[in-house]
């Protein structure tokens, strides 16, 4: 009997090691468009629940019930008590689609939206990541430029550009992106340019030139 104790101990230790993996596997996926719409509908219904069905203000509100068209760039909020993500949503409640940052939390098996969606902090890509993306942008532009002088400048910028600041970030008006003003130095010259970013597969990327 005593010879089995080491084996049992090893099994117990293996189980403890596997516990974090099991917990990680159980983490919810990002909200789908349908799940995000359901969460938004629940919040909308709660906001007008005290109004009679025949009330004109309720009928007007129903006419402008937001319809989600897309959910993208869902960024996890670290340190939250329950799984929480901030996503760029594209919704239509009037003549033109609107891009907005909204928060979703996962509790009791489904995604919900906190009541207060105002003043969510716009995520700011870290400087070191923006530097990688800026240099990549210079390299891409160099590959397409037919002017030898300009191509040489862009290639040099792709090697040496240094980002010194990422400021004034906001959700784009024309596309579901995070737009920022980026301060950088190239060849001892400092300049500022607008850049647009999306969150894909757990990291920041340059926004495509034309988004779907």
Protein backbone atom coordinates (compact mmCIF):
# COMPACT_ATOMS: atom_id res chain seq x y z
CA UNK A 1 0.00 0.00 0.00
CA UNK A 2 2.80 2.41 0.88
CA UNK A 3 4.34 2.00 -2.57
CA UNK A 4 1.28 3.58 -4.19
CA UNK A 5 1.53 6.87 -2.33
CA UNK A 6 4.17 8.43 -4.65
CA UNK A 7 2.02 7.56 -7.66
CA UNK A 8 -1.06 9.10 -6.05
CA UNK A 9 0.94 12.19 -5.20
CA UNK A 10 2.11 12.53 -8.81
CA UNK A 11 -1.48 12.21 -10.03
CA UNK A 12 -2.60 14.92 -7.59
CA UNK A 13 0.18 17.24 -8.73
CA UNK A 14 -0.71 16.61 -12.37
CA UNK A 15 -4.32 17.50 -11.64
CA UNK A 16 -3.25 20.78 -10.04
CA UNK A 17 -1.16 21.63 -13.08
CA UNK A 18 -4.08 20.94 -15.41
CA UNK A 19 -6.56 23.05 -13.46
CA UNK A 20 -5.41 26.41 -14.93
CA UNK A 21 -5.59 24.90 -18.41
CA UNK A 22 -9.14 23.74 -17.84
CA UNK A 23 -10.14 27.15 -16.50
CA UNK A 24 -8.59 28.82 -19.52
CA UNK A 25 -10.41 26.51 -21.90
CA UNK A 26 -13.70 27.42 -20.18
CA UNK A 27 -13.23 31.15 -20.78
CA UNK A 28 -16.01 32.51 -23.03
CA UNK A 29 -15.35 33.38 -26.63
CA UNK A 30 -15.82 36.95 -27.78
CA UNK A 31 -19.43 38.07 -28.25
CA UNK A 32 -20.89 37.30 -31.65
CA UNK A 33 -22.98 39.85 -33.51
CA UNK A 34 -26.17 38.07 -32.42
CA UNK A 35 -25.05 37.94 -28.77
CA UNK A 36 -24.08 41.61 -28.82
CA UNK A 37 -27.44 42.54 -30.35
CA UNK A 38 -29.24 40.51 -27.68
CA UNK A 39 -27.31 42.32 -24.95
CA UNK A 40 -28.10 45.69 -26.51
CA UNK A 41 -31.79 44.81 -26.84
CA UNK A 42 -31.95 43.82 -23.17
CA UNK A 43 -30.41 47.15 -22.14
CA UNK A 44 -32.76 49.04 -24.45
CA UNK A 45 -35.83 47.19 -23.14
CA UNK A 46 -34.82 47.92 -19.55
CA UNK A 47 -34.52 51.61 -20.35
CA UNK A 48 -38.10 51.86 -21.66
CA UNK A 49 -39.73 49.24 -19.42
CA UNK A 50 -41.52 51.85 -17.30
CA UNK A 51 -43.26 53.40 -20.30
CA UNK A 52 -46.70 52.07 -21.33
CA UNK A 53 -46.80 50.35 -24.71
CA UNK A 54 -49.18 53.04 -25.94
CA UNK A 55 -46.97 55.91 -24.78
CA UNK A 56 -45.83 58.03 -27.72
CA UNK A 57 -42.29 58.39 -26.33
CA UNK A 58 -41.97 54.60 -26.20
CA UNK A 59 -43.13 54.28 -29.79
CA UNK A 60 -40.61 56.90 -30.87
CA UNK A 61 -37.88 55.07 -28.97
CA UNK A 62 -38.82 51.77 -30.62
CA UNK A 63 -38.54 53.43 -34.02
CA UNK A 64 -34.91 54.21 -33.23
CA UNK A 65 -33.99 50.87 -31.61
CA UNK A 66 -30.28 50.39 -32.49
CA UNK A 67 -29.49 47.62 -34.94
CA UNK A 68 -25.96 46.31 -34.76
CA UNK A 69 -24.24 45.82 -38.10
CA UNK A 70 -20.80 44.69 -36.90
CA UNK A 71 -18.69 44.02 -33.81
CA UNK A 72 -14.91 44.23 -34.07
CA UNK A 73 -11.68 44.95 -32.17
CA UNK A 74 -12.92 43.37 -28.93
CA UNK A 75 -10.23 44.17 -26.37
CA UNK A 76 -10.24 42.39 -22.98
CA UNK A 77 -10.33 44.50 -19.84
CA UNK A 78 -7.69 43.11 -17.52
CA UNK A 79 -8.50 42.96 -13.83
CA UNK A 80 -12.28 42.83 -14.24
CA UNK A 81 -14.21 40.62 -11.80
CA UNK A 82 -15.92 38.85 -14.72
CA UNK A 83 -14.79 38.47 -18.34
CA UNK A 84 -15.17 41.93 -19.90
CA UNK A 85 -14.40 43.26 -23.36
CA UNK A 86 -14.64 46.67 -24.99
CA UNK A 87 -15.58 46.37 -28.66
CA UNK A 88 -15.94 48.78 -31.55
CA UNK A 89 -19.52 48.40 -32.72
CA UNK A 90 -21.17 49.62 -35.87
CA UNK A 91 -24.86 50.32 -35.30
CA UNK A 92 -27.67 52.03 -37.13
CA UNK A 93 -30.50 53.86 -35.40
CA UNK A 94 -30.88 56.66 -37.92
CA UNK A 95 -29.91 57.44 -41.50
CA UNK A 96 -26.17 56.72 -41.10
CA UNK A 97 -24.24 53.95 -39.31
CA UNK A 98 -22.38 55.04 -36.17
CA UNK A 99 -19.16 53.54 -34.79
CA UNK A 100 -18.91 53.45 -31.02
CA UNK A 101 -16.98 51.75 -28.24
CA UNK A 102 -19.27 49.55 -26.10
CA UNK A 103 -18.58 47.30 -23.13
CA UNK A 104 -19.79 43.72 -22.74
CA UNK A 105 -19.51 41.47 -19.68
CA UNK A 106 -19.99 37.71 -19.50
CA UNK A 107 -22.02 36.49 -16.54
CA UNK A 108 -24.35 33.56 -15.89
CA UNK A 109 -23.58 32.05 -19.26
CA UNK A 110 -24.33 34.99 -21.52
CA UNK A 111 -23.07 38.41 -22.58
CA UNK A 112 -24.65 41.52 -21.10
CA UNK A 113 -24.02 45.26 -21.26
CA UNK A 114 -23.46 47.41 -18.16
CA UNK A 115 -26.05 50.13 -17.81
CA UNK A 116 -23.58 53.02 -18.00
CA UNK A 117 -21.89 52.99 -21.40
CA UNK A 118 -20.79 56.62 -21.31
CA UNK A 119 -17.23 57.85 -21.01
CA UNK A 120 -15.54 54.53 -21.71
CA UNK A 121 -11.79 55.17 -21.98
CA UNK A 122 -10.62 54.82 -25.56
CA UNK A 123 -7.82 52.23 -25.71
CA UNK A 124 -4.41 53.61 -26.65
CA UNK A 125 -1.96 51.30 -28.46
CA UNK A 126 1.40 51.15 -26.65
CA UNK A 127 4.24 53.21 -28.07
CA UNK A 128 6.53 50.26 -28.80
CA UNK A 129 3.82 48.49 -30.80
CA UNK A 130 2.96 51.66 -32.73
CA UNK A 131 6.64 52.02 -33.61
CA UNK A 132 6.63 48.54 -35.16
CA UNK A 133 3.49 49.38 -37.11
CA UNK A 134 4.80 52.76 -38.25
CA UNK A 135 8.01 51.22 -39.54
CA UNK A 136 5.96 48.58 -41.32
CA UNK A 137 3.88 51.31 -42.91
CA UNK A 138 7.02 53.07 -44.17
CA UNK A 139 8.31 49.78 -45.60
CA UNK A 140 5.01 49.13 -47.39
CA UNK A 141 5.01 52.62 -48.87
CA UNK A 142 8.63 52.19 -50.01
CA UNK A 143 7.71 49.01 -51.88
CA UNK A 144 5.10 50.94 -53.89
CA UNK A 145 7.02 54.17 -54.56
CA UNK A 146 8.66 54.46 -57.99
CA UNK A 147 10.77 57.50 -57.08
CA UNK A 148 14.27 56.36 -56.10
CA UNK A 149 14.91 59.29 -53.75
CA UNK A 150 11.61 58.90 -51.94
CA UNK A 151 11.97 55.13 -51.76
CA UNK A 152 15.42 55.50 -50.15
CA UNK A 153 13.96 57.92 -47.58
CA UNK A 154 11.07 55.57 -46.79
CA UNK A 155 13.40 52.60 -46.41
CA UNK A 156 15.57 54.59 -44.02
CA UNK A 157 12.46 55.59 -42.08
CA UNK A 158 11.40 51.93 -41.92
CA UNK A 159 14.68 51.19 -40.12
CA UNK A 160 15.06 54.21 -37.87
CA UNK A 161 11.67 55.83 -37.16
CA UNK A 162 11.05 56.23 -33.43
CA UNK A 163 7.63 56.90 -31.95
CA UNK A 164 7.73 59.39 -29.08
CA UNK A 165 4.01 59.82 -28.44
CA UNK A 166 0.55 58.40 -29.18
CA UNK A 167 -2.18 60.92 -28.40
CA UNK A 168 -5.76 62.04 -29.05
CA UNK A 169 -7.08 58.53 -29.71
CA UNK A 170 -10.75 58.17 -30.61
CA UNK A 171 -13.11 55.84 -32.43
CA UNK A 172 -13.19 56.68 -36.13
CA UNK A 173 -16.17 58.48 -37.61
CA UNK A 174 -15.89 56.83 -41.02
CA UNK A 175 -14.65 53.34 -40.05
CA UNK A 176 -14.58 51.01 -37.01
CA UNK A 177 -11.00 51.84 -36.03
CA UNK A 178 -9.05 53.58 -33.29
CA UNK A 179 -7.56 56.77 -34.74
CA UNK A 180 -4.57 58.39 -33.02
CA UNK A 181 -2.12 61.19 -33.61
CA UNK A 182 1.39 59.72 -33.64
CA UNK A 183 4.50 61.80 -32.94
CA UNK A 184 7.69 60.31 -34.34
CA UNK A 185 11.24 61.22 -35.28
CA UNK A 186 12.88 60.28 -38.58
CA UNK A 187 16.44 61.35 -39.38
CA UNK A 188 16.47 63.90 -36.52
CA UNK A 189 13.22 65.42 -37.77
CA UNK A 190 10.07 65.26 -35.67
CA UNK A 191 6.65 65.04 -37.23
CA UNK A 192 3.06 64.05 -36.48
CA UNK A 193 0.72 61.93 -38.54
CA UNK A 194 -2.66 60.29 -38.10
CA UNK A 195 -2.74 56.50 -37.86
CA UNK A 196 -5.64 54.07 -37.60
CA UNK A 197 -5.50 50.79 -35.69
CA UNK A 198 -7.58 47.66 -35.14
CA UNK A 199 -7.27 44.92 -32.53
CA UNK A 200 -6.90 41.50 -34.19
CA UNK A 201 -5.92 38.14 -32.69
CA UNK A 202 -4.73 39.67 -29.44
CA UNK A 203 -2.60 42.53 -30.76
CA UNK A 204 -2.79 45.91 -32.44
CA UNK A 205 -2.50 46.07 -36.22
CA UNK A 206 -2.57 48.86 -38.79
CA UNK A 207 -6.14 49.29 -40.01
CA UNK A 208 -6.67 48.10 -43.59
CA UNK A 209 -6.87 50.88 -46.15
CA UNK A 210 -10.42 49.81 -46.98
CA UNK A 211 -12.44 48.15 -44.26
CA UNK A 212 -15.41 45.91 -45.13
